[in-house]
Amino acid sequence: MHKSKLAGFIIDCNTEALDEAAEFWSRALGMDIERLPAEEGGKYVRLMDKAGDLHIEVQKVEHQSRVHLDIETDDIEAEVNRLTKLGAVEISRVSSWCVMQAPTGQRFCIVRKCTENFENNARQW
C-alpha cells in the first residue's frame, strides 16, 4: 500500500527571462517568490502557498510553454504502476521523478512527497 495526492502545478515557461516570468505569476497568483539555491535556481523559482497544500514552481523549459501537474507519493514505483494500469504511459525518468502521459495526452510528473500536509491529505491505495 502507498499514498499519493496532487502536489501542485509547474508552470513551464519557454523563456530566457525566468525572473520576469516568476514575477508575473507571483503577482497573478498573489504568492511570494522563493529563490532556490545553486543550479536549481537557474531553472526553477518557487511560489509560496501560505497554506502549505500546494507546491508551485515556475520552470524554464525548452519545449512549448504549458502548465503541468505533479502527483506526490511516498512510493514512486507503486504510483507509476497504479497509473499505468489506468492507461498512463511512462515517458522518462528525470533525477528522482517520473514523467508520464495521460491517455488524453497531458504530461504530468510523479514526485516524492513534498507538501507539508501530505500525510494528512494523501489517499491510501
Protein backbone atom coordinates (compact mmCIF):
# COMPACT_ATOMS: atom_id res chain seq x y z
CA MET A 1 0.00 0.00 0.00
CA HIS A 2 1.11 3.52 -0.72
CA LYS A 3 -0.21 7.08 -0.58
CA SER A 4 -0.45 9.83 -3.19
CA LYS A 5 -2.10 13.19 -3.83
CA LEU A 6 -1.92 16.23 -6.05
CA ALA A 7 1.29 18.02 -5.11
CA GLY A 8 0.78 21.15 -7.18
CA PHE A 9 1.48 22.74 -10.51
CA ILE A 10 4.57 23.53 -12.51
CA ILE A 11 4.30 26.50 -14.86
CA ASP A 12 6.59 25.64 -17.80
CA CYS A 13 7.90 28.79 -19.47
CA ASN A 14 9.83 28.78 -22.73
CA THR A 15 11.78 31.93 -21.91
CA GLU A 16 15.24 33.23 -21.12
CA ALA A 17 13.67 35.65 -18.60
CA LEU A 18 12.79 33.25 -15.78
CA ASP A 19 12.77 36.01 -13.14
CA GLU A 20 10.30 38.08 -15.16
CA ALA A 21 8.06 35.05 -15.72
CA ALA A 22 8.16 34.24 -12.00
CA GLU A 23 7.34 37.84 -11.12
CA PHE A 24 4.28 37.75 -13.40
CA TRP A 25 2.98 34.51 -11.88
CA SER A 26 3.78 35.70 -8.35
CA ARG A 27 1.65 38.78 -8.86
CA ALA A 28 -1.06 36.94 -10.80
CA LEU A 29 -1.48 34.30 -8.08
CA GLY A 30 -0.73 36.52 -5.07
CA MET A 31 2.14 34.31 -3.93
CA ASP A 32 5.59 35.29 -2.69
CA ILE A 33 8.69 34.20 -4.58
CA GLU A 34 11.26 31.87 -3.04
CA ARG A 35 14.61 31.71 -4.81
CA LEU A 36 16.10 28.25 -4.99
CA PRO A 37 19.79 27.53 -4.42
CA ALA A 38 22.57 26.74 -6.86
CA GLU A 39 21.73 25.05 -10.15
CA GLU A 40 18.03 24.68 -9.25
CA GLY A 41 17.79 28.48 -9.10
CA GLY A 42 18.74 28.81 -12.75
CA LYS A 43 15.81 26.68 -13.86
CA TYR A 44 13.13 26.94 -11.14
CA VAL A 45 11.52 29.62 -8.96
CA ARG A 46 9.13 28.53 -6.23
CA LEU A 47 5.89 30.35 -5.48
CA MET A 48 4.91 30.05 -1.83
CA ASP A 49 1.49 28.67 -0.94
CA LYS A 50 0.84 30.06 2.55
CA ALA A 51 -1.37 27.09 3.45
CA GLY A 52 1.39 24.61 2.52
CA ASP A 53 -1.03 22.50 0.49
CA LEU A 54 0.41 23.10 -3.00
CA HIS A 55 3.89 23.03 -4.44
CA ILE A 56 4.03 25.57 -7.27
CA GLU A 57 7.08 26.40 -9.35
CA VAL A 58 7.84 28.43 -12.44
CA GLN A 59 10.21 26.38 -14.59
CA LYS A 60 12.40 27.44 -17.52
CA VAL A 61 11.94 24.91 -20.36
CA GLU A 62 12.92 24.43 -23.99
CA HIS A 63 9.59 22.95 -25.09
CA GLN A 64 6.37 24.89 -25.63
CA SER A 65 5.05 26.79 -22.60
CA ARG A 66 2.34 24.93 -20.67
CA VAL A 67 1.20 24.04 -17.17
CA HIS A 68 1.61 20.51 -15.86
CA LEU A 69 0.68 18.94 -12.57
CA ASP A 70 2.72 16.89 -10.15
CA ILE A 71 1.38 13.95 -8.16
CA GLU A 72 3.35 13.35 -4.98
CA THR A 73 3.73 9.94 -3.41
CA ASP A 74 5.56 8.02 -0.73
CA ASP A 75 6.32 5.25 -3.29
CA ILE A 76 7.09 6.38 -6.84
CA GLU A 77 7.23 2.87 -8.33
CA ALA A 78 3.87 1.88 -6.84
CA GLU A 79 2.23 5.09 -8.09
CA VAL A 80 3.71 4.69 -11.59
CA ASN A 81 2.36 1.13 -11.67
CA ARG A 82 -1.09 2.25 -10.44
CA LEU A 83 -1.34 4.96 -13.10
CA THR A 84 -0.02 2.68 -15.85
CA LYS A 85 -2.87 0.28 -15.08
CA LEU A 86 -5.25 3.24 -15.56
CA GLY A 87 -3.82 3.87 -19.04
CA ALA A 88 -0.97 6.34 -18.46
CA VAL A 89 2.37 5.82 -20.20
CA GLU A 90 5.81 6.37 -18.71
CA ILE A 91 7.74 8.90 -20.83
CA SER A 92 11.04 9.30 -18.96
CA ARG A 93 12.87 9.30 -15.65
CA VAL A 94 14.46 12.57 -14.59
CA SER A 95 16.50 12.70 -11.41
CA SER A 96 14.14 11.43 -8.71
CA TRP A 97 10.83 11.76 -10.58
CA CYS A 98 8.95 10.12 -13.42
CA VAL A 99 7.35 11.93 -16.36
CA MET A 100 4.13 10.29 -17.52
CA GLN A 101 1.46 10.95 -20.12
CA ALA A 102 -2.27 10.51 -19.59
CA PRO A 103 -4.33 8.60 -22.19
CA THR A 104 -5.59 12.01 -23.36
CA GLY A 105 -2.08 13.36 -23.99
CA GLN A 106 -1.37 15.56 -20.96
CA ARG A 107 2.06 15.21 -19.38
CA PHE A 108 2.45 15.06 -15.61
CA CYS A 109 5.11 14.05 -13.10
CA ILE A 110 5.23 11.61 -10.22
CA VAL A 111 7.40 13.11 -7.48
CA ARG A 112 8.46 12.28 -3.93
CA LYS A 113 6.17 13.63 -1.23
CA CYS A 114 6.91 17.34 -0.82
CA THR A 115 3.98 19.25 0.69
CA GLU A 116 3.63 19.93 4.41
CA ASN A 117 0.26 18.21 4.75
CA PHE A 118 0.99 15.09 2.70
CA GLU A 119 0.37 12.54 5.45
CA ASN A 120 -2.98 14.06 6.42
CA ASN A 121 -4.28 14.72 2.91
CA ALA A 122 -2.98 11.85 0.77
CA ARG A 123 -5.16 8.94 -0.29
CA GLN A 124 -4.03 5.42 0.52
CA TRP A 125 -4.12 2.93 -2.36
